[in-house]
């Protein structure tokens, strides 16, 4: 049984064949990944198994199943925003290894070398 991987592309997938190395190289190039020959072989097998699993999922009848966007019924699991006092400047700087004039001192980020 052949299926389209993507409606925009005329690429067919045969679930009885595994992806070849050229197909893996193409996917890697699209993802901007540099793969070693060992990784190409490994991912050929793994991607083929993923496509086989997708094929199994495609066989499930979902015509009467309502789409689900959230699998739990809770809308917001965060706590209430409660106003509290924060740290004082002295408390915030207490463990700073280097401080100056009430501020943290750190190495510069934009330095020319």
N, C-alpha and C. Protein backbone atom coordinates (compact mmCIF):
# COMPACT_ATOMS: atom_id res chain seq x y z
N UNK A 1 0.85 -1.17 0.00
CA UNK A 1 0.00 0.00 0.00
C UNK A 1 0.90 1.24 0.00
N UNK A 2 0.65 2.16 -0.90
CA UNK A 2 1.44 3.37 -1.02
C UNK A 2 0.64 4.55 -0.51
N UNK A 3 1.31 5.46 0.16
CA UNK A 3 0.67 6.67 0.66
C UNK A 3 1.58 7.85 0.40
N UNK A 4 0.97 9.03 0.28
CA UNK A 4 1.75 10.24 0.16
C UNK A 4 2.28 10.64 1.52
N UNK A 5 3.56 10.99 1.59
CA UNK A 5 4.12 11.51 2.82
C UNK A 5 3.65 12.94 3.05
N UNK A 6 3.45 13.65 1.97
CA UNK A 6 3.08 15.05 2.07
C UNK A 6 2.26 15.39 0.83
N UNK A 7 1.16 16.11 1.00
CA UNK A 7 0.31 16.43 -0.14
C UNK A 7 1.01 17.30 -1.17
N UNK A 8 2.01 18.08 -0.76
CA UNK A 8 2.68 18.98 -1.70
C UNK A 8 3.76 18.26 -2.50
N UNK A 9 4.17 17.10 -2.07
CA UNK A 9 5.26 16.38 -2.74
C UNK A 9 4.75 15.07 -3.31
N UNK A 10 5.28 14.67 -4.40
CA UNK A 10 4.88 13.43 -5.03
C UNK A 10 5.81 12.31 -4.58
N UNK A 11 6.03 12.22 -3.27
CA UNK A 11 6.90 11.19 -2.71
C UNK A 11 6.01 10.08 -2.15
N UNK A 12 6.24 8.88 -2.57
CA UNK A 12 5.46 7.74 -2.10
C UNK A 12 6.27 6.96 -1.09
N UNK A 13 5.59 6.40 -0.12
CA UNK A 13 6.24 5.57 0.87
C UNK A 13 5.62 4.19 0.84
N UNK A 14 6.43 3.21 0.68
CA UNK A 14 5.99 1.82 0.72
C UNK A 14 6.36 1.27 2.09
N UNK A 15 5.38 0.91 2.92
CA UNK A 15 5.70 0.46 4.27
C UNK A 15 6.52 -0.82 4.32
N UNK A 16 6.66 -1.51 3.19
CA UNK A 16 7.44 -2.75 3.18
C UNK A 16 8.90 -2.50 2.81
N UNK A 17 9.25 -1.25 2.53
CA UNK A 17 10.62 -0.90 2.19
C UNK A 17 11.13 0.12 3.20
N UNK A 18 12.40 0.07 3.50
CA UNK A 18 12.95 1.06 4.41
C UNK A 18 13.48 2.23 3.61
N UNK A 19 13.62 3.37 4.27
CA UNK A 19 14.19 4.55 3.62
C UNK A 19 15.63 4.25 3.23
N UNK A 20 16.01 4.70 2.06
CA UNK A 20 17.40 4.48 1.66
C UNK A 20 18.27 5.64 2.13
N UNK A 21 19.56 5.47 1.99
CA UNK A 21 20.52 6.45 2.48
C UNK A 21 20.33 7.80 1.78
N UNK A 22 20.02 7.80 0.49
CA UNK A 22 19.81 9.07 -0.22
C UNK A 22 18.63 9.85 0.36
N UNK A 23 17.58 9.14 0.74
CA UNK A 23 16.42 9.81 1.34
C UNK A 23 16.79 10.39 2.71
N UNK A 24 17.58 9.66 3.47
CA UNK A 24 18.03 10.15 4.77
C UNK A 24 18.92 11.38 4.58
N UNK A 25 19.80 11.34 3.60
CA UNK A 25 20.67 12.50 3.32
C UNK A 25 19.82 13.72 2.96
N UNK A 26 18.75 13.51 2.20
CA UNK A 26 17.88 14.62 1.81
C UNK A 26 17.19 15.22 3.03
N UNK A 27 16.68 14.37 3.93
CA UNK A 27 16.04 14.85 5.15
C UNK A 27 17.06 15.58 6.01
N UNK A 28 18.27 15.04 6.12
CA UNK A 28 19.32 15.68 6.92
C UNK A 28 19.68 17.04 6.33
N UNK A 29 19.75 17.13 5.03
CA UNK A 29 20.07 18.41 4.38
C UNK A 29 18.96 19.43 4.66
N UNK A 30 17.69 19.00 4.57
CA UNK A 30 16.58 19.91 4.86
C UNK A 30 16.60 20.38 6.31
N UNK A 31 17.08 19.53 7.21
CA UNK A 31 17.16 19.88 8.63
C UNK A 31 18.50 20.52 8.97
N UNK A 32 19.35 20.72 7.98
CA UNK A 32 20.67 21.32 8.16
C UNK A 32 21.50 20.53 9.18
N UNK A 33 21.50 19.20 9.00
CA UNK A 33 22.25 18.31 9.88
C UNK A 33 23.37 17.63 9.10
N UNK A 34 24.53 17.60 9.70
CA UNK A 34 25.66 16.87 9.11
C UNK A 34 25.69 15.49 9.76
N UNK A 35 25.51 14.45 8.96
CA UNK A 35 25.47 13.09 9.49
C UNK A 35 26.67 12.29 9.01
N UNK A 36 27.19 11.46 9.90
CA UNK A 36 28.25 10.53 9.51
C UNK A 36 27.60 9.35 8.79
N UNK A 37 28.37 8.56 8.06
CA UNK A 37 27.81 7.38 7.40
C UNK A 37 27.12 6.43 8.39
N UNK A 38 27.69 6.28 9.59
CA UNK A 38 27.05 5.43 10.60
C UNK A 38 25.69 5.99 11.02
N UNK A 39 25.62 7.32 11.18
CA UNK A 39 24.35 7.95 11.56
C UNK A 39 23.33 7.83 10.44
N UNK A 40 23.78 7.96 9.20
CA UNK A 40 22.87 7.81 8.07
C UNK A 40 22.22 6.43 8.08
N UNK A 41 23.00 5.41 8.34
CA UNK A 41 22.49 4.05 8.40
C UNK A 41 21.53 3.88 9.58
N UNK A 42 21.95 4.40 10.73
CA UNK A 42 21.12 4.31 11.94
C UNK A 42 19.79 5.03 11.73
N UNK A 43 19.83 6.25 11.18
CA UNK A 43 18.60 7.02 11.00
C UNK A 43 17.73 6.46 9.89
N UNK A 44 18.34 5.78 8.93
CA UNK A 44 17.56 5.12 7.89
C UNK A 44 16.62 4.10 8.54
N UNK A 45 17.17 3.32 9.46
CA UNK A 45 16.37 2.32 10.16
C UNK A 45 15.34 2.98 11.08
N UNK A 46 15.76 3.99 11.84
CA UNK A 46 14.85 4.63 12.79
C UNK A 46 13.71 5.37 12.09
N UNK A 47 14.03 6.11 11.04
CA UNK A 47 12.98 6.84 10.31
C UNK A 47 12.01 5.88 9.63
N UNK A 48 12.52 4.76 9.16
CA UNK A 48 11.64 3.75 8.55
C UNK A 48 10.67 3.21 9.59
N UNK A 49 11.15 2.97 10.80
CA UNK A 49 10.28 2.48 11.87
C UNK A 49 9.23 3.53 12.25
N UNK A 50 9.62 4.79 12.25
CA UNK A 50 8.67 5.87 12.55
C UNK A 50 7.58 5.90 11.49
N UNK A 51 7.97 5.81 10.23
CA UNK A 51 6.98 5.81 9.14
C UNK A 51 6.08 4.58 9.22
N UNK A 52 6.62 3.44 9.61
CA UNK A 52 5.80 2.24 9.79
C UNK A 52 4.76 2.48 10.89
N UNK A 53 5.18 3.13 11.97
CA UNK A 53 4.25 3.40 13.06
C UNK A 53 3.16 4.39 12.62
N UNK A 54 3.55 5.40 11.85
CA UNK A 54 2.56 6.35 11.33
C UNK A 54 1.57 5.63 10.44
N UNK A 55 2.05 4.68 9.67
CA UNK A 55 1.16 3.88 8.82
C UNK A 55 0.14 3.11 9.66
N UNK A 56 0.59 2.57 10.80
CA UNK A 56 -0.34 1.89 11.71
C UNK A 56 -1.38 2.86 12.24
N UNK A 57 -0.95 4.07 12.61
CA UNK A 57 -1.89 5.08 13.12
C UNK A 57 -2.88 5.50 12.04
N UNK A 58 -2.42 5.58 10.80
CA UNK A 58 -3.32 5.95 9.70
C UNK A 58 -4.41 4.91 9.47
N UNK A 59 -4.17 3.69 9.90
CA UNK A 59 -5.15 2.62 9.69
C UNK A 59 -6.30 2.69 10.70
N UNK A 60 -6.14 3.49 11.76
CA UNK A 60 -7.18 3.59 12.78
C UNK A 60 -8.32 4.45 12.27
N UNK A 61 -9.55 3.98 12.44
CA UNK A 61 -10.73 4.72 12.00
C UNK A 61 -11.00 5.86 12.99
N UNK A 62 -10.96 7.10 12.51
CA UNK A 62 -11.16 8.26 13.38
C UNK A 62 -12.30 9.16 12.90
N UNK A 63 -13.13 8.65 12.02
CA UNK A 63 -14.19 9.47 11.44
C UNK A 63 -15.12 10.05 12.49
N UNK A 64 -15.48 9.27 13.49
CA UNK A 64 -16.43 9.71 14.51
C UNK A 64 -15.75 10.21 15.79
N UNK A 65 -14.45 10.43 15.75
CA UNK A 65 -13.73 10.89 16.93
C UNK A 65 -13.59 12.40 16.89
N UNK A 66 -14.02 13.05 17.96
CA UNK A 66 -13.94 14.50 18.03
C UNK A 66 -12.48 14.91 18.26
N UNK A 67 -12.00 15.94 17.54
CA UNK A 67 -10.61 16.38 17.73
C UNK A 67 -10.36 16.81 19.18
N UNK A 68 -9.20 16.47 19.68
CA UNK A 68 -8.82 16.81 21.04
C UNK A 68 -7.60 17.72 21.01
N UNK A 69 -7.74 18.86 21.62
CA UNK A 69 -6.63 19.80 21.66
C UNK A 69 -5.92 19.77 23.00
N UNK A 70 -6.61 19.31 24.02
CA UNK A 70 -6.04 19.23 25.36
C UNK A 70 -6.58 17.95 26.00
N UNK A 71 -5.70 17.08 26.44
CA UNK A 71 -6.16 15.79 26.93
C UNK A 71 -6.63 15.82 28.37
N UNK A 72 -6.39 16.92 29.07
CA UNK A 72 -6.89 17.06 30.43
C UNK A 72 -7.92 18.18 30.46
N UNK A 73 -8.85 18.10 31.37
CA UNK A 73 -9.93 19.08 31.39
C UNK A 73 -9.56 20.37 32.11
N UNK A 74 -8.45 20.41 32.79
CA UNK A 74 -8.07 21.61 33.53
C UNK A 74 -7.65 22.71 32.55
N UNK A 75 -8.13 23.90 32.83
CA UNK A 75 -7.79 25.02 31.96
C UNK A 75 -6.50 25.71 32.38
N UNK A 76 -6.33 25.89 33.69
CA UNK A 76 -5.16 26.59 34.17
C UNK A 76 -4.69 25.91 35.45
N UNK A 77 -3.51 25.34 35.40
CA UNK A 77 -3.01 24.61 36.56
C UNK A 77 -1.99 25.45 37.34
N UNK A 78 -1.90 26.73 37.01
CA UNK A 78 -0.96 27.60 37.71
C UNK A 78 -1.62 28.15 38.98
N UNK A 79 -0.80 28.54 39.92
CA UNK A 79 -1.33 29.11 41.16
C UNK A 79 -1.81 30.54 40.92
N UNK A 80 -2.56 31.05 41.87
CA UNK A 80 -3.02 32.43 41.82
C UNK A 80 -1.81 33.36 41.96
N UNK A 81 -1.85 34.49 41.30
CA UNK A 81 -0.83 35.50 41.49
C UNK A 81 -1.09 36.18 42.82
N UNK A 82 -0.15 36.07 43.73
CA UNK A 82 -0.28 36.68 45.04
C UNK A 82 0.88 37.64 45.22
N UNK A 83 0.55 38.87 45.55
CA UNK A 83 1.58 39.88 45.74
C UNK A 83 2.35 39.57 47.02
N UNK A 84 3.68 39.59 46.92
CA UNK A 84 4.53 39.35 48.07
C UNK A 84 5.72 40.29 47.98
N UNK A 85 6.35 40.49 49.11
CA UNK A 85 7.53 41.34 49.07
C UNK A 85 8.69 40.54 48.50
N UNK A 86 9.56 41.22 47.76
CA UNK A 86 10.71 40.58 47.16
C UNK A 86 11.95 40.74 48.03
N UNK A 87 13.09 40.38 47.48
CA UNK A 87 14.35 40.52 48.20
C UNK A 87 14.75 41.99 48.26
N UNK A 88 15.40 42.33 49.33
CA UNK A 88 16.00 43.66 49.39
C UNK A 88 17.27 43.61 48.55
N UNK A 89 17.81 44.77 48.25
CA UNK A 89 19.04 44.82 47.46
C UNK A 89 20.17 44.11 48.18
N UNK A 90 20.25 44.29 49.48
CA UNK A 90 21.31 43.64 50.26
C UNK A 90 21.15 42.13 50.23
N UNK A 91 19.90 41.63 50.35
CA UNK A 91 19.66 40.19 50.30
C UNK A 91 20.01 39.62 48.94
N UNK A 92 19.68 40.34 47.87
CA UNK A 92 19.96 39.85 46.52
C UNK A 92 21.46 39.78 46.26
N UNK A 93 22.21 40.71 46.82
CA UNK A 93 23.66 40.76 46.58
C UNK A 93 24.47 39.99 47.61
N UNK A 94 23.80 39.39 48.59
CA UNK A 94 24.49 38.75 49.71
C UNK A 94 25.53 37.73 49.24
N UNK A 95 25.21 36.88 48.28
CA UNK A 95 26.13 35.82 47.85
C UNK A 95 26.89 36.16 46.56
N UNK A 96 26.78 37.40 46.12
CA UNK A 96 27.48 37.79 44.88
C UNK A 96 28.99 37.77 45.12
N UNK A 97 29.75 37.11 44.26
CA UNK A 97 31.20 37.07 44.46
C UNK A 97 31.84 38.44 44.28
N UNK A 98 31.30 39.24 43.35
CA UNK A 98 31.83 40.58 43.12
C UNK A 98 30.64 41.53 42.97
N UNK A 99 30.68 42.64 43.70
CA UNK A 99 29.63 43.64 43.60
C UNK A 99 30.25 45.02 43.70
N UNK A 100 29.58 45.99 43.09
CA UNK A 100 30.09 47.36 43.10
C UNK A 100 28.90 48.31 43.05
N UNK A 101 28.86 49.26 43.97
CA UNK A 101 27.83 50.29 44.01
C UNK A 101 26.42 49.70 43.99
N UNK A 102 26.22 48.56 44.65
CA UNK A 102 24.89 47.97 44.74
C UNK A 102 24.48 47.14 43.53
N UNK A 103 25.44 46.79 42.67
CA UNK A 103 25.14 45.99 41.48
C UNK A 103 26.04 44.77 41.41
N UNK A 104 25.59 43.74 40.67
CA UNK A 104 26.44 42.58 40.39
C UNK A 104 27.51 43.00 39.39
N UNK A 105 28.71 42.47 39.55
CA UNK A 105 29.78 42.71 38.59
C UNK A 105 30.04 41.38 37.88
N UNK A 106 30.09 41.43 36.55
CA UNK A 106 30.35 40.22 35.78
C UNK A 106 31.31 40.55 34.65
N UNK A 107 31.83 39.52 34.03
CA UNK A 107 32.72 39.71 32.89
C UNK A 107 31.93 40.33 31.74
N UNK A 108 32.57 41.18 30.97
CA UNK A 108 31.91 41.82 29.84
C UNK A 108 31.55 40.81 28.77
N UNK A 109 30.45 41.04 28.10
CA UNK A 109 30.00 40.14 27.06
C UNK A 109 30.50 40.62 25.70
N UNK A 110 30.49 41.91 25.47
CA UNK A 110 30.86 42.47 24.18
C UNK A 110 32.24 43.12 24.26
N UNK A 111 33.24 42.30 24.27
CA UNK A 111 34.61 42.81 24.31
C UNK A 111 35.32 42.44 23.02
N UNK A 112 36.08 43.38 22.52
CA UNK A 112 36.90 43.09 21.34
C UNK A 112 38.19 42.46 21.80
N UNK A 113 38.61 41.43 21.10
CA UNK A 113 39.85 40.74 21.49
C UNK A 113 40.93 41.04 20.49
